[in-house]
Every structure is written in C-alpha cells, then in structure tokens.
Amino acid sequence: MANADERRFDVLRAIVADYVSNQEPVGSKAIVERHNLGVSSATVRNDMATLEEEGYITQPHTSAGRVPTDKGYRLFVDRLSEVKPLSAAERRAITSFLDSGTDLDDVLKRSVRLLAQLTRQVAVVQYPMLTNAKVRHLEVVPLTPARLMLVLIADNGRVDQRTVDLGDVVTEDDVARLRSVLNTAMSGRRLNDAAARVAELPDKSPGELRDALIRVTTVLVESLAEHPEERLVLGGTANLTRNVADFPGSLRQVLEALEEQVVVLKLLAAARNPGAITVRIGEENEDEQMRSTSVVSIGYGQDMVLGGMGVVGPTRMDYPGTIAAVRAVANYVGQILHGR
C-alpha cells in the first residue's frame, strides 16, 4: 500500500511540475512520456482517478487532462524533501546587489526588487518591527548655533534623522552635555522604555539645559513612538498580469488587496521564527480576495525576527524555486542588517 501511495504521489508531483511549467491540463500519456515512472498509461490513469477522488487533482473541462487543486499543492509542498538550491552565480548576485545598499531603506527596496526578479511574482518586505529593538546610539549634530540634527540608530538597522529648532543659541559644551544626558537615558534600552526615560529628562535637568531638552525630547519621543513595521515595500506587481488566466475573474481583487497594507501585514504575520518558511495556498488565506493566490513568507533577522518578507503569486507557482529565493534573500538581508 505504501508503494501505491508513493507512486500516486509521484504522479501528483509530475502533474504539478508539468502544469506549473506549461499551464496546460496534464494527461496520463504526457506523464508516461515526460516522467520516468516505470508504469503503464493504464496504471497512471488509475492513479489519477484515485487522486481526483481524494481531491488532489481536478478536471477543469472535458479534456483528458487534470490540474492540481489547493489540496494537491499543499501535499506537494508538505512533502518537498529538497528545495532547489540557488546557483553560485545567483548567490553572488544577491550578495553583491544587497551589499551595495546604502541604508535600511535602500536595502529593503533592493531586496524587494531582487525577490520579484528571482521569482517573477509580487515581492513584499515589512520594515523592521520595534517590539524588541533597542537604541544603539543617538548622535547630536549642530547644524547652526540654534539648530540640531538628531540621528537615532537602533540595533535593528533603523536610522531616524530629525532636526530641532532650539529657539536659542547653544554652545558646543551644551551640545556635548545634551548628547551625554540623552545617550545615558536611552542607550541599550528598548524603544518604548527609552521614550519614557527621555520624557522625564527636562524635569531632572539643570535649568540652563531645560528649554533645549524640552524641544529635543518632544521630537525624540515622537520618533521613538512611530511604528515603521506598519510600512511595507512592494515590488513586481506587474508580474501578476503576465498570466491573467491564473486568477479567473479575480486579478483585480488581488491587486486591490495588495494595496491594503493591513491585508499584506496579516500575510506576513505568521513569520515569527527567522528562517522558517510559511506557505499559504489558495483557500488557506484568510482574506477572501487572496483565495486565488499562494503566499510564501519568512521572518528575516539573525537572532530574532526583525520583520517579514515574502512573495505573492498564483497557486500555479514554482514552489521549490520560490522557497529557495525567499529563504536566500531573507538570509542575506538578516546578515546585512545584523552587521550594521
């Protein structure tokens, strides 16, 4: 019985491979000709009948061919024993392209562009989450005697720049004291904790620094309280229009859903462990507008998840290739941000 189950799975795998490649329903004759299964057409036909009865494949119209169902794709993905590795050239291209990123924004934009090109699907990356982020350093740069630039650097790669008009002239010594007071309060603390500490500073500081601190801390608290994890970078949306037939009557719905950040954030929410791939296929997607798509997502980061990234495409997707690309890009982005 185990052998019969394995043989039927081989037939399913052949149907998935051919349908993903050719977008045409697959018949028993084609399977025997293209795949060395070592069985007759009659055996393949019987196996296809069983697979159809069990809901893994379906007959889209009166032709002899069959196509995988969501359930069939799910079994195929669950039993992927090996994911197609990227070539050395592809890995070098990824490293070189992402290493050239100048800052967090640039790295994320590049990763989305790269992922969309590698998979020929829609790529999406979430900005680093702040839940576990800590302040690495605050630089205070005098632009004029009465104007400062604050550069807040977090350990998740986030860099915020803000300018503050002080309303009065401050000396270089005052700037140095401000820098020291602020870094003592903030460095190494989680962003929410740092915001609370900063808000208390004006009441505890010497009178001559109080006015400057009130203005500086007001801007800093706003910066620390922002939630860039609600920001997303999307790329490759036009890739979905290459095969409109993959989204019968629903491509417009999919495109509208992708414009709603809340929907996309929910798709990435499952990415909680760095390196762990999540694949949602068709009906497994909560949002009704996304039921004709598959979503391959992952958390990026080294020791902890900084954010999610992934790919949205039709259920007729090259799952091994897509999983390999998503995993590789997430791995490199995690390494780059960890080293900054």
Protein backbone atom coordinates (compact mmCIF):
# COMPACT_ATOMS: atom_id res chain seq x y z
CA MET A 1 0.00 0.00 0.00
CA ALA A 2 2.86 2.33 0.85
CA ASN A 3 4.29 1.71 -2.62
CA ALA A 4 0.95 2.56 -4.25
CA ASP A 5 0.74 5.79 -2.19
CA GLU A 6 4.30 6.73 -3.19
CA ARG A 7 3.55 6.01 -6.84
CA ARG A 8 0.41 8.16 -6.70
CA PHE A 9 2.44 10.95 -5.11
CA ASP A 10 4.95 10.66 -7.97
CA VAL A 11 2.03 11.07 -10.39
CA LEU A 12 0.82 14.13 -8.46
CA ARG A 13 4.34 15.59 -8.46
CA ALA A 14 4.53 15.07 -12.25
CA ILE A 15 1.17 16.82 -12.72
CA VAL A 16 2.30 19.77 -10.55
CA ALA A 17 5.61 20.09 -12.41
CA ASP A 18 4.03 19.97 -15.88
CA TYR A 19 1.11 22.26 -15.04
CA VAL A 20 3.36 24.87 -13.39
CA SER A 21 5.65 24.74 -16.41
CA ASN A 22 3.11 24.66 -19.26
CA GLN A 23 -0.16 25.98 -17.79
CA GLU A 24 -1.96 23.15 -19.60
CA PRO A 25 -4.00 20.33 -18.03
CA VAL A 26 -1.86 17.17 -17.83
CA GLY A 27 -2.91 13.81 -19.25
CA SER A 28 -1.68 10.28 -18.48
CA LYS A 29 0.08 9.94 -21.85
CA ALA A 30 2.16 13.08 -21.21
CA ILE A 31 3.13 11.83 -17.74
CA VAL A 32 4.36 8.50 -19.13
CA GLU A 33 6.30 10.24 -21.91
CA ARG A 34 7.90 13.01 -19.83
CA HIS A 35 8.47 11.32 -16.49
CA ASN A 36 10.26 8.04 -15.98
CA LEU A 37 7.78 6.48 -13.53
CA GLY A 38 8.24 2.92 -14.81
CA VAL A 39 4.50 2.19 -15.05
CA SER A 40 1.95 1.93 -17.86
CA SER A 41 -0.53 4.57 -19.01
CA ALA A 42 -3.34 2.43 -17.57
CA THR A 43 -1.72 2.47 -14.10
CA VAL A 44 -1.21 6.25 -14.31
CA ARG A 45 -4.88 6.67 -15.33
CA ASN A 46 -5.99 4.60 -12.33
CA ASP A 47 -3.74 6.64 -10.02
CA MET A 48 -5.14 9.87 -11.48
CA ALA A 49 -8.67 8.63 -10.86
CA THR A 50 -7.79 7.94 -7.21
CA LEU A 51 -6.07 11.33 -6.81
CA GLU A 52 -9.14 13.04 -8.28
CA GLU A 53 -11.46 11.10 -5.98
CA GLU A 54 -9.35 12.19 -2.98
CA GLY A 55 -9.45 15.84 -4.05
CA TYR A 56 -5.79 16.31 -5.04
CA ILE A 57 -6.41 16.96 -8.74
CA THR A 58 -9.41 18.05 -10.79
CA GLN A 59 -10.57 18.07 -14.41
CA PRO A 60 -11.07 21.71 -15.48
CA HIS A 61 -13.14 20.83 -18.56
CA THR A 62 -13.89 17.91 -20.83
CA SER A 63 -10.27 17.33 -21.89
CA ALA A 64 -8.47 14.27 -20.54
CA GLY A 65 -6.04 16.46 -18.61
CA ARG A 66 -6.03 17.20 -14.89
CA VAL A 67 -4.72 20.13 -12.81
CA PRO A 68 -3.72 20.22 -9.13
CA THR A 69 -6.17 21.53 -6.52
CA ASP A 70 -5.17 23.59 -3.47
CA LYS A 71 -5.13 20.31 -1.55
CA GLY A 72 -2.80 18.79 -4.17
CA TYR A 73 -0.40 21.74 -3.98
CA ARG A 74 -0.45 21.50 -0.18
CA LEU A 75 0.56 17.81 -0.23
CA PHE A 76 3.27 18.61 -2.78
CA VAL A 77 4.68 21.47 -0.66
CA ASP A 78 4.46 19.48 2.60
CA ARG A 79 6.48 16.68 1.02
CA LEU A 80 9.17 18.81 -0.58
CA SER A 81 12.19 16.83 0.52
CA GLU A 82 14.64 19.16 -1.14
CA VAL A 83 14.40 22.76 -2.20
CA LYS A 84 16.10 23.65 -5.45
CA PRO A 85 19.36 25.36 -4.36
CA LEU A 86 20.35 28.66 -5.90
CA SER A 87 23.38 28.56 -8.17
CA ALA A 88 26.68 30.07 -7.04
CA ALA A 89 26.17 32.85 -9.61
CA GLU A 90 22.70 33.64 -8.20
CA ARG A 91 24.07 33.74 -4.65
CA ARG A 92 26.92 36.05 -5.69
CA ALA A 93 24.48 38.35 -7.49
CA ILE A 94 22.25 38.54 -4.39
CA THR A 95 25.18 39.32 -2.08
CA SER A 96 26.67 41.94 -4.38
CA PHE A 97 23.31 43.64 -5.07
CA LEU A 98 22.22 43.82 -1.43
CA ASP A 99 25.67 44.73 -0.07
CA SER A 100 25.54 47.87 -2.22
CA GLY A 101 22.54 49.16 -0.23
CA THR A 102 23.41 52.46 1.41
CA ASP A 103 20.93 52.35 4.30
CA LEU A 104 17.92 50.42 5.62
CA ASP A 105 15.50 51.93 3.07
CA ASP A 106 17.83 51.11 0.19
CA VAL A 107 18.48 47.53 1.39
CA LEU A 108 14.72 46.83 1.68
CA LYS A 109 13.94 48.35 -1.72
CA ARG A 110 16.73 46.31 -3.30
CA SER A 111 15.57 43.10 -1.61
CA VAL A 112 12.02 43.55 -2.96
CA ARG A 113 13.28 44.27 -6.48
CA LEU A 114 15.58 41.25 -6.35
CA LEU A 115 12.92 38.89 -4.97
CA ALA A 116 10.42 39.98 -7.63
CA GLN A 117 13.02 39.33 -10.35
CA LEU A 118 14.09 35.93 -8.98
CA THR A 119 10.54 34.59 -8.53
CA ARG A 120 8.68 36.60 -11.20
CA GLN A 121 5.97 37.22 -8.59
CA VAL A 122 4.98 40.10 -6.30
CA ALA A 123 7.54 40.60 -3.53
CA VAL A 124 6.83 42.32 -0.22
CA VAL A 125 9.05 43.29 2.71
CA GLN A 126 7.95 44.66 6.07
CA TYR A 127 10.04 47.33 7.79
CA PRO A 128 11.79 46.10 10.97
CA MET A 129 9.43 45.64 13.91
CA LEU A 130 10.10 47.64 17.04
CA THR A 131 8.96 45.12 19.63
CA ASN A 132 12.48 44.04 20.52
CA ALA A 133 14.50 46.93 19.08
CA LYS A 134 16.90 48.84 21.31
CA VAL A 135 18.61 52.19 20.96
CA ARG A 136 22.20 51.68 19.89
CA HIS A 137 23.23 55.35 19.88
CA LEU A 138 21.96 58.92 19.48
CA GLU A 139 24.17 61.36 17.63
CA VAL A 140 23.54 65.09 18.16
CA VAL A 141 24.94 67.24 15.35
CA PRO A 142 24.88 71.07 15.48
CA LEU A 143 23.68 72.45 12.11
CA THR A 144 23.69 76.07 13.32
CA PRO A 145 24.15 77.52 16.84
CA ALA A 146 20.36 77.26 17.30
CA ARG A 147 19.55 74.14 15.27
CA LEU A 148 20.45 70.49 15.85
CA MET A 149 20.17 67.27 13.87
CA LEU A 150 19.33 64.16 15.88
CA VAL A 151 20.39 60.81 14.38
CA LEU A 152 18.79 57.90 16.24
CA ILE A 153 20.34 54.49 15.48
CA ALA A 154 18.54 51.33 16.62
CA ASP A 155 20.04 47.84 16.76
CA ASN A 156 17.59 46.57 14.12
CA GLY A 157 19.08 48.79 11.42
CA ARG A 158 16.57 51.61 11.75
CA VAL A 159 18.10 55.10 11.43
CA ASP A 160 15.96 58.19 12.03
CA GLN A 161 17.08 61.73 11.36
CA ARG A 162 15.22 64.71 12.82
CA THR A 163 16.04 68.40 13.04
CA VAL A 164 15.22 70.51 16.11
CA ASP A 165 14.99 74.31 16.24
CA LEU A 166 16.05 75.29 19.73
CA GLY A 167 14.80 78.87 19.65
CA ASP A 168 18.04 79.96 21.32
CA VAL A 169 21.77 79.65 20.76
CA VAL A 170 23.63 76.79 22.48
CA THR A 171 27.37 76.31 22.91
CA GLU A 172 29.41 73.29 21.83
CA ASP A 173 29.71 72.35 25.51
CA ASP A 174 25.90 72.42 25.81
CA VAL A 175 25.62 70.14 22.76
CA ALA A 176 28.12 67.71 24.31
CA ARG A 177 26.15 67.71 27.59
CA LEU A 178 22.88 67.14 25.73
CA ARG A 179 24.45 64.22 23.84
CA SER A 180 25.72 62.68 27.07
CA VAL A 181 22.45 63.12 29.01
CA LEU A 182 20.36 61.68 26.16
CA ASN A 183 22.60 58.67 25.49
CA THR A 184 22.81 57.86 29.21
CA ALA A 185 19.00 57.77 29.32
CA MET A 186 18.47 55.85 26.07
CA SER A 187 21.40 53.61 25.06
CA GLY A 188 20.69 49.89 25.26
CA ARG A 189 17.02 50.40 26.16
CA ARG A 190 14.01 49.17 24.21
CA LEU A 191 12.42 51.99 22.25
CA ASN A 192 9.29 52.29 24.40
CA ASP A 193 11.38 52.34 27.58
CA ALA A 194 13.74 54.89 26.02
CA ALA A 195 10.77 57.15 25.13
CA ALA A 196 9.57 57.06 28.76
CA ARG A 197 13.07 57.89 30.08
CA VAL A 198 13.53 60.75 27.63
CA ALA A 199 10.15 62.26 28.52
CA GLU A 200 11.29 62.56 32.17
CA LEU A 201 14.60 64.33 31.39
CA PRO A 202 13.51 68.01 31.31
CA ASP A 203 12.24 67.87 34.92
CA LYS A 204 15.53 66.41 36.16
CA SER A 205 17.98 68.56 34.23
CA PRO A 206 19.86 71.78 35.08
CA GLY A 207 17.90 74.95 34.38
CA GLU A 208 20.21 76.17 31.59
CA LEU A 209 19.56 72.97 29.56
CA ARG A 210 15.87 72.64 30.29
CA ASP A 211 14.48 74.65 27.34
CA ALA A 212 16.74 72.85 24.86
CA LEU A 213 15.86 69.46 26.38
CA ILE A 214 12.12 70.15 26.19
CA ARG A 215 12.39 70.78 22.44
CA VAL A 216 14.76 67.86 21.82
CA THR A 217 12.82 65.34 23.89
CA THR A 218 9.50 66.30 22.26
CA VAL A 219 10.96 65.40 18.84
CA LEU A 220 12.65 62.24 20.16
CA VAL A 221 9.51 60.86 21.81
CA GLU A 222 7.63 61.31 18.52
CA SER A 223 10.40 59.47 16.68
CA LEU A 224 10.54 56.61 19.19
CA ALA A 225 6.77 56.20 19.20
CA GLU A 226 6.48 55.74 15.43
CA HIS A 227 5.67 52.28 14.08
CA PRO A 228 7.58 51.69 10.85
CA GLU A 229 6.64 47.99 10.98
CA GLU A 230 3.34 49.18 9.50
CA ARG A 231 5.29 50.28 6.43
CA LEU A 232 5.77 47.88 3.56
CA VAL A 233 7.79 47.84 0.36
CA LEU A 234 6.07 46.12 -2.57
CA GLY A 235 7.60 45.24 -5.92
CA GLY A 236 6.79 43.31 -9.08
CA THR A 237 3.01 43.81 -9.04
CA ALA A 238 3.03 43.79 -12.85
CA ASN A 239 4.27 40.17 -12.73
CA LEU A 240 0.74 39.04 -11.79
CA THR A 241 -0.63 40.36 -15.07
CA ARG A 242 1.59 38.03 -17.13
CA ASN A 243 -0.89 35.16 -16.71
CA VAL A 244 -4.32 36.61 -16.06
CA ALA A 245 -5.82 33.12 -16.54
CA ASP A 246 -4.29 32.12 -13.18
CA PHE A 247 -6.77 34.48 -11.50
CA PRO A 248 -10.14 33.75 -13.12
CA GLY A 249 -12.22 36.87 -12.56
CA SER A 250 -10.25 37.88 -9.50
CA LEU A 251 -6.97 39.55 -10.53
CA ARG A 252 -8.43 42.97 -9.82
CA GLN A 253 -9.43 41.80 -6.32
CA VAL A 254 -5.90 40.55 -5.68
CA LEU A 255 -4.36 43.84 -6.83
CA GLU A 256 -6.80 45.80 -4.63
CA ALA A 257 -5.96 43.58 -1.65
CA LEU A 258 -2.23 44.17 -2.17
CA GLU A 259 -2.87 47.91 -1.95
CA GLU A 260 -4.34 47.42 1.52
CA GLN A 261 -1.36 47.23 3.84
CA VAL A 262 -3.42 45.57 6.59
CA VAL A 263 -4.09 42.56 4.34
CA VAL A 264 -0.41 42.19 3.43
CA LEU A 265 0.73 42.64 7.05
CA LYS A 266 -1.61 39.77 8.00
CA LEU A 267 0.02 37.61 5.31
CA LEU A 268 3.43 38.22 6.88
CA ALA A 269 2.24 37.85 10.48
CA ALA A 270 2.99 34.13 10.58
CA ALA A 271 6.71 34.83 10.07
CA ARG A 272 7.83 34.64 13.68
CA ASN A 273 10.97 32.47 13.51
CA PRO A 274 13.99 33.54 11.47
CA GLY A 275 14.47 31.15 8.56
CA ALA A 276 11.13 29.32 8.98
CA ILE A 277 9.16 29.35 5.71
CA THR A 278 5.36 29.54 5.78
CA VAL A 279 3.38 28.62 2.66
CA ARG A 280 -0.32 29.50 2.45
CA ILE A 281 -2.11 28.06 -0.55
CA GLY A 282 -5.38 29.33 -2.03
CA GLU A 283 -8.24 28.77 0.41
CA GLU A 284 -5.80 28.75 3.34
CA ASN A 285 -5.55 32.54 3.02
CA GLU A 286 -7.87 34.28 5.47
CA ASP A 287 -8.67 37.21 3.22
CA GLU A 288 -11.26 36.27 0.60
CA GLN A 289 -9.60 38.48 -2.03
CA MET A 290 -6.42 36.41 -1.76
CA ARG A 291 -8.00 32.96 -2.17
CA SER A 292 -6.65 32.55 -5.71
CA THR A 293 -3.08 33.18 -4.57
CA SER A 294 -0.29 31.42 -2.72
CA VAL A 295 1.89 33.29 -0.24
CA VAL A 296 5.42 32.17 0.63
CA SER A 297 6.69 34.15 3.66
CA ILE A 298 9.59 34.13 6.10
CA GLY A 299 10.91 36.16 9.02
CA TYR A 300 14.22 37.91 8.38
CA GLY A 301 16.83 38.63 11.04
CA GLN A 302 19.70 36.82 12.72
CA ASP A 303 18.98 36.09 16.39
CA MET A 304 15.43 37.44 16.31
CA VAL A 305 12.83 38.31 13.68
CA LEU A 306 13.13 41.95 12.59
CA GLY A 307 10.24 41.75 10.13
CA GLY A 308 8.58 39.59 7.50
CA MET A 309 9.15 39.23 3.78
CA GLY A 310 7.61 37.07 1.12
CA VAL A 311 6.15 36.51 -2.30
CA VAL A 312 2.55 36.55 -3.52
CA GLY A 313 1.65 34.72 -6.73
CA PRO A 314 -0.85 32.31 -8.27
CA THR A 315 -1.31 28.83 -6.79
CA ARG A 316 0.33 27.61 -10.04
CA MET A 317 3.74 28.53 -8.69
CA ASP A 318 7.25 27.10 -8.81
CA TYR A 319 7.24 26.32 -5.08
CA PRO A 320 10.77 24.85 -4.76
CA GLY A 321 12.34 27.77 -6.65
CA THR A 322 10.25 30.41 -4.84
CA ILE A 323 11.01 28.95 -1.39
CA ALA A 324 14.74 28.88 -2.19
CA ALA A 325 14.74 32.51 -3.37
CA VAL A 326 12.71 33.80 -0.40
CA ARG A 327 14.94 31.95 2.06
CA ALA A 328 18.18 33.16 0.42
CA VAL A 329 17.17 36.85 0.20
CA ALA A 330 15.88 36.81 3.82
CA ASN A 331 19.14 35.24 4.96
CA TYR A 332 21.28 37.89 3.25
CA VAL A 333 19.09 40.80 4.44
CA GLY A 334 19.33 39.47 8.01
CA GLN A 335 23.12 39.24 7.75
CA ILE A 336 23.46 42.76 6.28
CA LEU A 337 21.26 44.41 8.93
CA HIS A 338 22.97 42.45 11.71
CA GLY A 339 26.35 43.78 10.58
CA ARG A 340 25.28 47.43 10.54
